[in-house]
Every structure is written in C-alpha cells, then in structure tokens.
C-alpha cells in the first residue's frame, strides 16, 4: 500500500511563528509523508501550491503564512489575495489546497504576542492536518 504524500508550503517571513503550523501538522501526519517547501512570503504561496497540486504527487497541499500590518501596505488585501489564490489552486487542480494563512487585526512584535501566535499556529496546523487527512480519505487519494 502506497502512503499518501502531503505538501506543506510555508512563508519565510515570521518563520519563528509560521513554522509552528508545520509542527502541529506533523503531530497528525507523519513527517515522513510530508514534503516541505519554503517560499519568500505569503504572496508566493498560491503559485507554489498550484504547481505542487498539479504535480499529481500529493493528496493535499497546505499553505502557511502570517500576514501582518507592515504599516505601508494594506495587509488585508495581501491576505485576501493569498486565501483566494489558494482556493483557486485547489479548484483548478482538483487537489485540496488548505490554508493556514492568518492575519491578526492587532499584532505587536512582543514576547506575549509571539507566544500567543506560536501556540495558535500549532493548533491551526493540527486543524489543517485533520482536514488534509479527511479530504484524502474522502476522495480516495492514493498519490505516490
């Protein structure tokens, strides 16, 4: 029996927080079944997710990013474009593409906020893993 493989794409910005989603994901999906890809930032997630989904190698693709207000651009527009792009990648490829792309309304780079969001990303990673496993089972995915 061939085990289903999963792709996990993560943005490099705020890696100390974003990488926690991968930790949570791998609590439920064995790391040996997960291929990890790092992209520069959130905006690059949809293209990489689409390419991976179209490769036919994965039962599901998960994208993770932390989009915060940088003060000079509208982070909510970036976040919306990323989530829309991930959804489109899934619809266009026929492979589930899941999002752990979070955009807090109020984020300050303090020890407290960083700890809160690290913990939150672990939980969101677990949720993405549950969804990936469920979708692969529902769809009868046996990707190599």
C-alpha atoms as a PDB file:
ATOM      1  CA  UNK A   1       0.000   0.000   0.000  1.00  0.00           C
ATOM      2  CA  UNK A   2       1.361   3.382  -1.013  1.00  0.00           C
ATOM      3  CA  UNK A   3       1.058   6.092   1.619  1.00  0.00           C
ATOM      4  CA  UNK A   4      -0.462   9.401   0.633  1.00  0.00           C
ATOM      5  CA  UNK A   5       2.030  12.259   0.477  1.00  0.00           C
ATOM      6  CA  UNK A   6       1.268  15.797   1.586  1.00  0.00           C
ATOM      7  CA  UNK A   7       2.907  19.066   0.591  1.00  0.00           C
ATOM      8  CA  UNK A   8       3.355  21.828   3.157  1.00  0.00           C
ATOM      9  CA  UNK A   9       4.320  25.253   1.804  1.00  0.00           C
ATOM     10  CA  UNK A  10       5.408  27.861   4.304  1.00  0.00           C
ATOM     11  CA  UNK A  11       6.243  31.519   4.013  1.00  0.00           C
ATOM     12  CA  UNK A  12       9.682  32.507   5.281  1.00  0.00           C
ATOM     13  CA  UNK A  13       8.517  35.787   6.827  1.00  0.00           C
ATOM     14  CA  UNK A  14       7.887  35.303  10.555  1.00  0.00           C
ATOM     15  CA  UNK A  15       9.257  31.755  10.293  1.00  0.00           C
ATOM     16  CA  UNK A  16       9.518  31.514  14.088  1.00  0.00           C
ATOM     17  CA  UNK A  17       5.708  31.664  14.178  1.00  0.00           C
ATOM     18  CA  UNK A  18       4.753  30.103  10.816  1.00  0.00           C
ATOM     19  CA  UNK A  19       6.911  27.004  11.353  1.00  0.00           C
ATOM     20  CA  UNK A  20       4.775  26.115  14.374  1.00  0.00           C
ATOM     21  CA  UNK A  21       1.951  25.239  11.942  1.00  0.00           C
ATOM     22  CA  UNK A  22       4.210  22.576  10.456  1.00  0.00           C
ATOM     23  CA  UNK A  23       4.861  21.267  13.979  1.00  0.00           C
ATOM     24  CA  UNK A  24       1.120  20.926  14.566  1.00  0.00           C
ATOM     25  CA  UNK A  25       0.576  19.381  11.125  1.00  0.00           C
ATOM     26  CA  UNK A  26       3.218  16.737  11.771  1.00  0.00           C
ATOM     27  CA  UNK A  27       1.612  15.783  15.084  1.00  0.00           C
ATOM     28  CA  UNK A  28      -1.114  14.105  12.997  1.00  0.00           C
ATOM     29  CA  UNK A  29       0.527  13.426   9.636  1.00  0.00           C
ATOM     30  CA  UNK A  30       3.860  11.594   9.921  1.00  0.00           C
ATOM     31  CA  UNK A  31       6.737  13.847   8.849  1.00  0.00           C
ATOM     32  CA  UNK A  32       7.935  11.075   6.518  1.00  0.00           C
ATOM     33  CA  UNK A  33       4.789  11.683   4.420  1.00  0.00           C
ATOM     34  CA  UNK A  34       5.234  15.477   4.281  1.00  0.00           C
ATOM     35  CA  UNK A  35       7.336  17.365   1.737  1.00  0.00           C
ATOM     36  CA  UNK A  36       8.107  20.884   2.966  1.00  0.00           C
ATOM     37  CA  UNK A  37       8.690  23.873   0.694  1.00  0.00           C
ATOM     38  CA  UNK A  38       9.701  27.350   1.854  1.00  0.00           C
ATOM     39  CA  UNK A  39       8.731  30.388  -0.222  1.00  0.00           C
ATOM     40  CA  UNK A  40       9.765  34.015   0.389  1.00  0.00           C
ATOM     41  CA  UNK A  41       6.410  35.289   1.639  1.00  0.00           C
ATOM     42  CA  UNK A  42       2.669  34.794   1.721  1.00  0.00           C
ATOM     43  CA  UNK A  43       2.111  36.166  -1.768  1.00  0.00           C
ATOM     44  CA  UNK A  44       4.135  33.308  -3.272  1.00  0.00           C
ATOM     45  CA  UNK A  45       2.069  30.564  -1.604  1.00  0.00           C
ATOM     46  CA  UNK A  46      -0.702  30.185  -4.220  1.00  0.00           C
ATOM     47  CA  UNK A  47       1.621  29.696  -7.197  1.00  0.00           C
ATOM     48  CA  UNK A  48       3.738  27.100  -5.416  1.00  0.00           C
ATOM     49  CA  UNK A  49       0.621  25.380  -4.045  1.00  0.00           C
ATOM     50  CA  UNK A  50      -0.888  25.211  -7.536  1.00  0.00           C
ATOM     51  CA  UNK A  51       2.290  23.787  -9.051  1.00  0.00           C
ATOM     52  CA  UNK A  52       2.541  21.148  -6.316  1.00  0.00           C
ATOM     53  CA  UNK A  53      -1.141  20.253  -6.598  1.00  0.00           C
ATOM     54  CA  UNK A  54      -0.835  19.858 -10.367  1.00  0.00           C
ATOM     55  CA  UNK A  55       2.199  17.586  -9.960  1.00  0.00           C
ATOM     56  CA  UNK A  56      -0.094  14.698  -9.045  1.00  0.00           C
ATOM     57  CA  UNK A  57       2.167  13.696  -6.164  1.00  0.00           C
ATOM     58  CA  UNK A  58       0.059  14.935  -3.249  1.00  0.00           C
ATOM     59  CA  UNK A  59      -3.243  14.083  -1.626  1.00  0.00           C
ATOM     60  CA  UNK A  60      -3.426  17.637  -0.300  1.00  0.00           C
ATOM     61  CA  UNK A  61      -1.345  20.797  -0.179  1.00  0.00           C
ATOM     62  CA  UNK A  62      -1.257  23.150   2.818  1.00  0.00           C
ATOM     63  CA  UNK A  63      -0.031  26.744   2.719  1.00  0.00           C
ATOM     64  CA  UNK A  64       1.011  28.611   5.872  1.00  0.00           C
ATOM     65  CA  UNK A  65       1.738  32.308   6.342  1.00  0.00           C
ATOM     66  CA  UNK A  66       1.425  35.083   8.899  1.00  0.00           C
ATOM     67  CA  UNK A  67       0.395  38.333   7.217  1.00  0.00           C
ATOM     68  CA  UNK A  68       0.762  41.352   9.484  1.00  0.00           C
ATOM     69  CA  UNK A  69       0.254  45.067   9.044  1.00  0.00           C
ATOM     70  CA  UNK A  70       3.613  46.382   7.918  1.00  0.00           C
ATOM     71  CA  UNK A  71       2.438  49.971   8.107  1.00  0.00           C
ATOM     72  CA  UNK A  72       2.979  50.756   4.416  1.00  0.00           C
ATOM     73  CA  UNK A  73       0.638  48.363   2.646  1.00  0.00           C
ATOM     74  CA  UNK A  74      -2.848  47.028   3.258  1.00  0.00           C
ATOM     75  CA  UNK A  75      -2.115  43.616   4.717  1.00  0.00           C
ATOM     76  CA  UNK A  76      -5.788  42.665   4.463  1.00  0.00           C
ATOM     77  CA  UNK A  77      -5.547  42.894   0.662  1.00  0.00           C
ATOM     78  CA  UNK A  78      -2.494  40.638   0.671  1.00  0.00           C
ATOM     79  CA  UNK A  79      -4.201  38.150   2.974  1.00  0.00           C
ATOM     80  CA  UNK A  80      -7.344  38.082   0.826  1.00  0.00           C
ATOM     81  CA  UNK A  81      -5.303  37.568  -2.346  1.00  0.00           C
ATOM     82  CA  UNK A  82      -3.426  34.683  -0.725  1.00  0.00           C
ATOM     83  CA  UNK A  83      -6.547  32.907   0.527  1.00  0.00           C
ATOM     84  CA  UNK A  84      -8.319  33.442  -2.799  1.00  0.00           C
ATOM     85  CA  UNK A  85      -5.252  32.164  -4.650  1.00  0.00           C
ATOM     86  CA  UNK A  86      -5.031  29.042  -2.507  1.00  0.00           C
ATOM     87  CA  UNK A  87      -8.714  28.313  -3.069  1.00  0.00           C
ATOM     88  CA  UNK A  88      -8.272  28.794  -6.796  1.00  0.00           C
ATOM     89  CA  UNK A  89      -5.253  26.479  -6.813  1.00  0.00           C
ATOM     90  CA  UNK A  90      -7.392  23.767  -5.255  1.00  0.00           C
ATOM     91  CA  UNK A  91     -10.318  24.288  -7.578  1.00  0.00           C
ATOM     92  CA  UNK A  92      -8.136  24.489 -10.685  1.00  0.00           C
ATOM     93  CA  UNK A  93      -6.067  21.433  -9.789  1.00  0.00           C
ATOM     94  CA  UNK A  94      -8.753  19.252  -8.240  1.00  0.00           C
ATOM     95  CA  UNK A  95      -6.479  18.662  -5.226  1.00  0.00           C
ATOM     96  CA  UNK A  96      -7.406  20.003  -1.780  1.00  0.00           C
ATOM     97  CA  UNK A  97      -5.347  23.126  -1.027  1.00  0.00           C
ATOM     98  CA  UNK A  98      -5.681  24.175   2.590  1.00  0.00           C
ATOM     99  CA  UNK A  99      -4.844  27.477   4.244  1.00  0.00           C
ATOM    100  CA  UNK A 100      -3.126  28.294   7.500  1.00  0.00           C
ATOM    101  CA  UNK A 101      -2.784  31.903   6.404  1.00  0.00           C
ATOM    102  CA  UNK A 102      -3.589  34.103   9.379  1.00  0.00           C
ATOM    103  CA  UNK A 103      -3.936  37.860   9.556  1.00  0.00           C
ATOM    104  CA  UNK A 104      -4.302  39.300  13.048  1.00  0.00           C
ATOM    105  CA  UNK A 105      -6.074  42.614  13.474  1.00  0.00           C
ATOM    106  CA  UNK A 106      -3.615  43.680  16.138  1.00  0.00           C
ATOM    107  CA  UNK A 107      -0.123  42.266  16.249  1.00  0.00           C
ATOM    108  CA  UNK A 108       2.870  43.714  18.010  1.00  0.00           C
ATOM    109  CA  UNK A 109       6.239  42.054  17.998  1.00  0.00           C
ATOM    110  CA  UNK A 110       6.294  41.392  21.722  1.00  0.00           C
ATOM    111  CA  UNK A 111       7.137  38.212  23.597  1.00  0.00           C
ATOM    112  CA  UNK A 112       3.493  37.878  24.631  1.00  0.00           C
ATOM    113  CA  UNK A 113       2.036  38.232  21.107  1.00  0.00           C
ATOM    114  CA  UNK A 114       4.686  35.955  19.632  1.00  0.00           C
ATOM    115  CA  UNK A 115       3.910  33.249  22.217  1.00  0.00           C
ATOM    116  CA  UNK A 116       0.157  33.568  21.588  1.00  0.00           C
ATOM    117  CA  UNK A 117       0.534  33.276  17.821  1.00  0.00           C
ATOM    118  CA  UNK A 118       3.065  30.428  18.011  1.00  0.00           C
ATOM    119  CA  UNK A 119       0.563  28.416  20.031  1.00  0.00           C
ATOM    120  CA  UNK A 120      -2.244  29.411  17.670  1.00  0.00           C
ATOM    121  CA  UNK A 121      -0.267  28.247  14.633  1.00  0.00           C
ATOM    122  CA  UNK A 122       0.341  24.835  16.243  1.00  0.00           C
ATOM    123  CA  UNK A 123      -3.416  24.434  16.646  1.00  0.00           C
ATOM    124  CA  UNK A 124      -4.111  25.656  13.105  1.00  0.00           C
ATOM    125  CA  UNK A 125      -1.511  23.192  11.798  1.00  0.00           C
ATOM    126  CA  UNK A 126      -3.353  20.373  13.573  1.00  0.00           C
ATOM    127  CA  UNK A 127      -6.640  21.548  12.053  1.00  0.00           C
ATOM    128  CA  UNK A 128      -5.082  21.612   8.574  1.00  0.00           C
ATOM    129  CA  UNK A 129      -3.743  18.085   9.097  1.00  0.00           C
ATOM    130  CA  UNK A 130      -7.188  16.828  10.121  1.00  0.00           C
ATOM    131  CA  UNK A 131      -8.687  18.429   7.018  1.00  0.00           C
ATOM    132  CA  UNK A 132      -5.943  17.057   4.742  1.00  0.00           C
ATOM    133  CA  UNK A 133      -6.370  13.534   6.101  1.00  0.00           C
ATOM    134  CA  UNK A 134     -10.142  13.698   5.861  1.00  0.00           C
ATOM    135  CA  UNK A 135     -10.111  15.061   2.316  1.00  0.00           C
ATOM    136  CA  UNK A 136      -7.590  12.465   1.146  1.00  0.00           C
ATOM    137  CA  UNK A 137      -9.746   9.715   2.640  1.00  0.00           C
ATOM    138  CA  UNK A 138     -12.995  11.121   1.234  1.00  0.00           C
ATOM    139  CA  UNK A 139     -11.517  11.491  -2.207  1.00  0.00           C
ATOM    140  CA  UNK A 140      -9.805   8.090  -2.157  1.00  0.00           C
ATOM    141  CA  UNK A 141      -6.402   9.655  -2.772  1.00  0.00           C
ATOM    142  CA  UNK A 142      -3.566   7.198  -3.197  1.00  0.00           C
ATOM    143  CA  UNK A 143      -0.919   9.596  -4.525  1.00  0.00           C
ATOM    144  CA  UNK A 144       2.581   8.238  -4.538  1.00  0.00           C
END
